[in-house]
Each structure stands twice: as structure tokens, then as C-alpha cells.
Protein backbone atom coordinates (compact mmCIF):
# COMPACT_ATOMS: atom_id res chain seq x y z
CA UNK A 1 -5.96 -142.78 -188.75
CA UNK A 2 -6.14 -145.05 -191.78
CA UNK A 3 -2.42 -145.82 -191.44
CA UNK A 4 -3.00 -146.79 -187.80
CA UNK A 5 -5.84 -149.12 -188.73
CA UNK A 6 -3.77 -150.59 -191.53
CA UNK A 7 -0.88 -151.12 -189.10
CA UNK A 8 -3.12 -152.87 -186.57
CA UNK A 9 -4.49 -155.15 -189.28
CA UNK A 10 -1.01 -156.10 -190.46
CA UNK A 11 -0.16 -159.51 -188.86
CA UNK A 12 3.57 -158.95 -189.29
CA UNK A 13 3.43 -155.62 -187.47
CA UNK A 14 1.46 -157.15 -184.61
CA UNK A 15 3.96 -160.02 -184.41
CA UNK A 16 6.87 -157.61 -184.26
CA UNK A 17 5.22 -155.62 -181.46
CA UNK A 18 4.59 -158.83 -179.49
CA UNK A 19 8.18 -159.94 -179.97
CA UNK A 20 9.48 -156.58 -178.75
CA UNK A 21 7.21 -156.63 -175.68
CA UNK A 22 8.15 -160.21 -174.80
CA UNK A 23 11.85 -159.44 -175.31
CA UNK A 24 11.63 -156.46 -172.97
CA UNK A 25 9.87 -158.57 -170.32
CA UNK A 26 12.45 -161.35 -170.61
CA UNK A 27 15.32 -158.85 -170.45
CA UNK A 28 13.78 -157.32 -167.34
CA UNK A 29 13.41 -160.72 -165.69
CA UNK A 30 16.99 -161.70 -166.54
CA UNK A 31 18.26 -158.41 -165.15
CA UNK A 32 16.26 -158.84 -161.95
CA UNK A 33 17.41 -162.47 -161.63
CA UNK A 34 21.07 -161.53 -161.99
CA UNK A 35 20.75 -158.65 -159.54
CA UNK A 36 19.05 -160.58 -156.73
CA UNK A 37 21.44 -163.50 -157.25
CA UNK A 38 24.41 -161.12 -156.93
CA UNK A 39 22.99 -159.58 -153.74
CA UNK A 40 22.21 -162.99 -152.21
CA UNK A 41 25.66 -164.37 -153.08
CA UNK A 42 27.31 -161.38 -151.40
CA UNK A 43 25.20 -161.63 -148.25
CA UNK A 44 26.04 -165.30 -147.68
CA UNK A 45 29.72 -164.76 -148.54
CA UNK A 46 29.93 -161.87 -146.07
CA UNK A 47 28.37 -163.97 -143.28
CA UNK A 48 30.87 -166.81 -143.82
CA UNK A 49 33.81 -164.39 -144.18
CA UNK A 50 32.85 -162.76 -140.89
CA UNK A 51 32.73 -166.13 -139.12
CA UNK A 52 36.03 -167.55 -140.43
CA UNK A 53 37.98 -164.27 -140.85
CA UNK A 54 38.86 -164.85 -144.49
CA UNK A 55 37.53 -163.86 -147.91
CA UNK A 56 34.68 -166.02 -149.20
CA UNK A 57 32.59 -166.51 -152.32
CA UNK A 58 29.09 -167.99 -152.49
CA UNK A 59 26.79 -169.19 -155.25
CA UNK A 60 23.17 -170.32 -155.23
CA UNK A 61 21.89 -173.26 -157.27
CA UNK A 62 20.84 -172.50 -160.86
CA UNK A 63 17.35 -173.92 -160.32
CA UNK A 64 14.81 -172.89 -159.33
CA UNK A 65 15.17 -169.26 -160.38
CA UNK A 66 16.56 -166.98 -157.70
CA UNK A 67 13.49 -164.76 -157.97
CA UNK A 68 11.32 -167.76 -157.06
CA UNK A 69 13.60 -168.79 -154.20
CA UNK A 70 13.50 -165.24 -152.87
CA UNK A 71 9.72 -165.02 -153.16
CA UNK A 72 9.22 -168.32 -151.32
CA UNK A 73 12.16 -167.75 -148.93
CA UNK A 74 13.23 -171.32 -149.66
CA UNK A 75 16.78 -171.73 -150.96
CA UNK A 76 17.55 -175.22 -152.21
CA UNK A 77 21.32 -175.29 -152.60
CA UNK A 78 24.15 -172.90 -151.70
CA UNK A 79 27.89 -173.44 -152.18
CA UNK A 80 30.52 -171.41 -150.33
CA UNK A 81 34.31 -171.46 -150.53
CA UNK A 82 36.90 -169.42 -148.67
CA UNK A 83 40.17 -168.14 -150.08
CA UNK A 84 42.33 -170.53 -148.05
CA UNK A 85 44.31 -167.88 -146.21
CA UNK A 86 43.04 -168.77 -142.76
CA UNK A 87 40.12 -169.83 -140.59
CA UNK A 88 40.16 -167.72 -137.45
CA UNK A 89 43.80 -167.97 -136.28
CA UNK A 90 44.69 -171.04 -138.36
CA UNK A 91 46.81 -170.05 -141.33
CA UNK A 92 46.59 -172.08 -144.54
CA UNK A 93 43.11 -173.39 -143.68
CA UNK A 94 40.34 -173.47 -146.31
CA UNK A 95 36.69 -174.43 -146.09
CA UNK A 96 34.27 -175.57 -148.80
CA UNK A 97 30.62 -175.68 -147.76
CA UNK A 98 27.47 -177.10 -149.32
CA UNK A 99 24.20 -175.93 -147.73
CA UNK A 100 20.80 -177.38 -148.61
CA UNK A 101 17.16 -176.60 -147.88
CA UNK A 102 17.43 -173.15 -146.28
CA UNK A 103 14.10 -171.67 -145.17
CA UNK A 104 14.05 -168.09 -143.92
CA UNK A 105 11.36 -167.57 -141.29
CA UNK A 106 12.33 -164.71 -139.02
CA UNK A 107 11.35 -164.89 -135.35
CA UNK A 108 12.60 -163.54 -132.04
CA UNK A 109 15.24 -166.26 -131.66
CA UNK A 110 15.85 -167.47 -135.22
CA UNK A 111 16.22 -166.30 -138.81
CA UNK A 112 15.08 -169.67 -140.15
CA UNK A 113 16.35 -173.21 -140.61
CA UNK A 114 18.97 -175.16 -142.56
CA UNK A 115 18.18 -178.70 -143.70
CA UNK A 116 21.82 -179.77 -143.95
CA UNK A 117 25.30 -178.31 -144.08
CA UNK A 118 28.42 -180.22 -145.12
CA UNK A 119 31.85 -178.65 -144.93
CA UNK A 120 35.30 -179.88 -145.91
CA UNK A 121 38.19 -178.15 -144.16
CA UNK A 122 41.74 -178.52 -145.47
CA UNK A 123 44.78 -177.44 -143.47
CA UNK A 124 48.15 -177.46 -145.20
CA UNK A 125 51.36 -178.50 -143.47
CA UNK A 126 52.83 -175.05 -144.12
CA UNK A 127 49.67 -173.54 -142.63
CA UNK A 128 50.07 -175.69 -139.52
CA UNK A 129 53.66 -174.49 -139.18
CA UNK A 130 52.67 -170.82 -139.54
CA UNK A 131 49.77 -171.23 -137.12
CA UNK A 132 51.90 -172.78 -134.39
CA UNK A 133 54.62 -170.16 -134.86
CA UNK A 134 52.20 -167.21 -134.88
CA UNK A 135 49.38 -168.23 -132.56
CA UNK A 136 51.19 -170.35 -129.95
CA UNK A 137 54.10 -168.19 -128.78
CA UNK A 138 55.40 -170.80 -126.35
CA UNK A 139 55.73 -173.38 -129.17
CA UNK A 140 56.66 -171.00 -131.99
CA UNK A 141 60.44 -171.16 -131.44
CA UNK A 142 60.16 -174.95 -131.14
CA UNK A 143 58.81 -175.47 -134.69
CA UNK A 144 61.62 -173.87 -136.68
CA UNK A 145 62.06 -176.32 -139.56
CA UNK A 146 58.89 -177.81 -140.99
CA UNK A 147 55.70 -179.75 -140.47
CA UNK A 148 55.56 -183.13 -142.22
CA UNK A 149 52.40 -185.17 -142.81
CA UNK A 150 52.46 -188.96 -142.43
CA UNK A 151 49.27 -190.40 -144.00
CA UNK A 152 50.31 -193.99 -143.24
CA UNK A 153 49.84 -193.59 -139.49
CA UNK A 154 47.64 -190.47 -139.58
CA UNK A 155 50.11 -188.16 -137.83
CA UNK A 156 51.82 -184.82 -138.41
CA UNK A 157 55.35 -184.11 -137.26
CA UNK A 158 56.35 -180.66 -135.99
CA UNK A 159 60.10 -180.37 -136.38
CA UNK A 160 62.65 -178.10 -134.79
CA UNK A 161 66.42 -178.00 -135.07
CA UNK A 162 66.89 -180.75 -132.49
CA UNK A 163 63.36 -181.47 -131.31
CA UNK A 164 60.13 -182.83 -132.71
CA UNK A 165 56.52 -183.38 -131.72
CA UNK A 166 54.43 -186.03 -133.46
CA UNK A 167 50.70 -185.45 -133.10
CA UNK A 168 47.61 -187.27 -134.36
CA UNK A 169 44.61 -185.16 -135.44
CA UNK A 170 41.44 -186.65 -133.94
CA UNK A 171 37.83 -185.62 -133.45
CA UNK A 172 37.30 -184.34 -129.92
CA UNK A 173 33.87 -183.18 -128.84
CA UNK A 174 32.55 -180.88 -131.57
CA UNK A 175 36.00 -180.00 -132.91
CA UNK A 176 39.50 -181.33 -133.53
CA UNK A 177 42.43 -182.11 -131.29
CA UNK A 178 46.12 -182.54 -132.08
CA UNK A 179 46.84 -185.49 -129.79
CA UNK A 180 50.53 -185.84 -128.97
CA UNK A 181 51.88 -189.30 -129.85
CA UNK A 182 55.58 -188.68 -129.21
CA UNK A 183 57.48 -185.81 -127.70
CA UNK A 184 61.23 -185.55 -128.16
CA UNK A 185 62.61 -182.33 -126.72
CA UNK A 186 66.24 -181.51 -126.22
CA UNK A 187 66.63 -178.43 -124.08
CA UNK A 188 62.88 -177.74 -124.20
CA UNK A 189 61.76 -177.29 -120.60
CA UNK A 190 58.00 -177.36 -121.08
CA UNK A 191 56.50 -180.74 -120.02
CA UNK A 192 54.46 -182.83 -122.44
CA UNK A 193 51.24 -182.27 -120.48
CA UNK A 194 51.58 -178.50 -120.76
CA UNK A 195 52.30 -178.73 -124.47
CA UNK A 196 49.18 -180.88 -124.95
CA UNK A 197 47.10 -178.40 -122.99
CA UNK A 198 48.44 -175.53 -125.10
CA UNK A 199 47.63 -177.37 -128.34
CA UNK A 200 44.14 -178.20 -127.02
CA UNK A 201 43.42 -174.56 -126.27
CA UNK A 202 44.54 -173.59 -129.76
CA UNK A 203 42.53 -176.20 -131.69
CA UNK A 204 39.50 -175.58 -129.47
CA UNK A 205 39.44 -171.92 -130.47
CA UNK A 206 39.76 -172.91 -134.13
CA UNK A 207 37.27 -175.71 -134.58
CA UNK A 208 34.70 -175.49 -131.81
CA UNK A 209 31.83 -173.10 -131.10
CA UNK A 210 30.75 -172.84 -134.73
CA UNK A 211 27.16 -171.62 -135.16
CA UNK A 212 24.13 -173.85 -135.89
CA UNK A 213 25.62 -176.85 -134.11
CA UNK A 214 28.29 -177.41 -136.78
CA UNK A 215 30.57 -180.17 -135.51
CA UNK A 216 33.48 -182.35 -136.63
CA UNK A 217 32.65 -185.80 -138.04
CA UNK A 218 36.01 -187.15 -139.14
CA UNK A 219 39.58 -186.16 -139.92
CA UNK A 220 42.36 -187.68 -141.99
CA UNK A 221 45.98 -186.89 -142.81
CA UNK A 222 47.00 -186.54 -146.46
CA UNK A 223 50.37 -185.95 -148.09
CA UNK A 224 49.80 -182.20 -148.02
CA UNK A 225 48.13 -181.74 -144.64
CA UNK A 226 44.95 -182.46 -142.73
CA UNK A 227 41.44 -182.81 -144.17
CA UNK A 228 38.37 -182.85 -141.92
CA UNK A 229 34.62 -183.00 -142.44
CA UNK A 230 32.14 -180.91 -140.45
CA UNK A 231 28.35 -180.98 -140.67
CA UNK A 232 25.00 -180.18 -139.11
CA UNK A 233 21.41 -181.26 -139.76
CA UNK A 234 18.09 -179.47 -139.23
CA UNK A 235 19.84 -176.47 -137.71
CA UNK A 236 18.46 -173.13 -136.59
CA UNK A 237 19.97 -169.96 -138.10
CA UNK A 238 20.88 -167.52 -135.30
CA UNK A 239 19.67 -163.96 -135.31
CA UNK A 240 21.98 -160.98 -135.71
CA UNK A 241 21.69 -160.35 -132.00
CA UNK A 242 22.90 -163.86 -131.22
CA UNK A 243 25.68 -163.77 -133.83
CA UNK A 244 26.62 -160.46 -135.50
CA UNK A 245 27.88 -162.32 -138.59
CA UNK A 246 24.25 -163.18 -139.46
CA UNK A 247 22.91 -159.64 -139.01
CA UNK A 248 22.59 -158.86 -142.74
CA UNK A 249 21.06 -162.11 -143.98
């Protein structure tokens, strides 16, 4: 009993106990912070991967703490990147997304709101070639050589052994269109109008009908392919019933 009283009167002993208690609390908070951040990162990555059909990684902003963001259901900044294998049926397509001001408020027709979303989509020339060969059977045999980007005039050239199609990527509606500029076909019986229609169907399936009103803003041709910017403002997050990819958010 006397030892206990002596221990309690010892300032150093009390200080050590306080340090141990505080350290345990801090360690617990750090562990909880890392865990909820890991879970949140995975949930967002899975939703994006489901939508674009490629692997994705996500990360939430360092501040405020994830525990606070989770408690308030207000997420200030989220970054997402895909692996670059494909987006839907477009091979060699990669997306980098920055999402701000997410507020989760579940209702019958919404999981919450997004203040802004900005996405940069890159599509390599080799990816364009693979996509046309794999996803557009009627044009696959036509593009046998390569796809070449021409930044000077903003076009891409789809080359075959004797034929070539030069197309200009442009914003069309909410998505992108490969607008045929020139069409030189030797022994290719399909008319230009039908080729344009086929390309339109393909790009429409790739870049339109994204959730939350995400739409194309601009597109440019670089030395290595096509780069486009997509965005949305003050958007509503769909429920899992409206879009299965959002079911686990």
C-alpha cells in the first residue's frame, strides 16, 4: 500500500503512465485512420473499375483526417487513376480523375452529391489500332499497319497496306467522335458514310452515357495519341439500383 502511494506521488511515474496512455490512444487513432482510408480507397477504386472495365487505384486527400471526413460524410478531395489497359472496349485508354467536395446523403434516388469532377483521358495510337481491330470487325482488316497521330492538324491516320483513313477527334454531344477527313480505299467496298456511322457507334459506346452527367469538354491530338478532358459540376451520385457500380459506396 505504501509502495502504491509512493508510486502515485512520484511525478516521473505519473508522467510515464500519461505518456503510455497517450501513445496507446495515438496508436489506436493512427490504426483506425489507416484502416478506414484503406477501405474508402478500395470502395472508390472498385466503383471506377466497374464503370471503365479496368483496374483502378484511388486515394483520398491527406487533410482533413479520414476519420473526420467519414464522420461528417464530407470528402474534400479524391484522386483516381486507372491502369491504362482499356476503358470499356477502347484498348490503351487511361483515365485520371480528380473529384472534389463529395457529400454522402443517401436518399431514394441519390447517394449524395459531387461538387466537381475533372478527368483526363489519354488514348494511345497503338490503343486506337487495337480497338479498331478488335471492336470494329468490319474495319479491323482495314487497319493492318499502324495508327499515326498528326498534332499539327489534329488528326489521326489509320493505315492499311494500300488504304488509309484520316480522322479528326472532336467533341460531339457528351462524348467524342472520330470525324473522317479523308478516305482513301483501294479495294475497300464499304462507303465513307457507312464507315463514319460505324466509327460513331464505336466512340458513342466508349465516351457517352457516363454517370453523373460526365461529358467531354475538349480533345487534342498529341505525338503519342489523343488526350481529352471530361468533367461535371454539382452532380448527383446514382444509387446502386440506378447503377450497380455504385452499390457498395
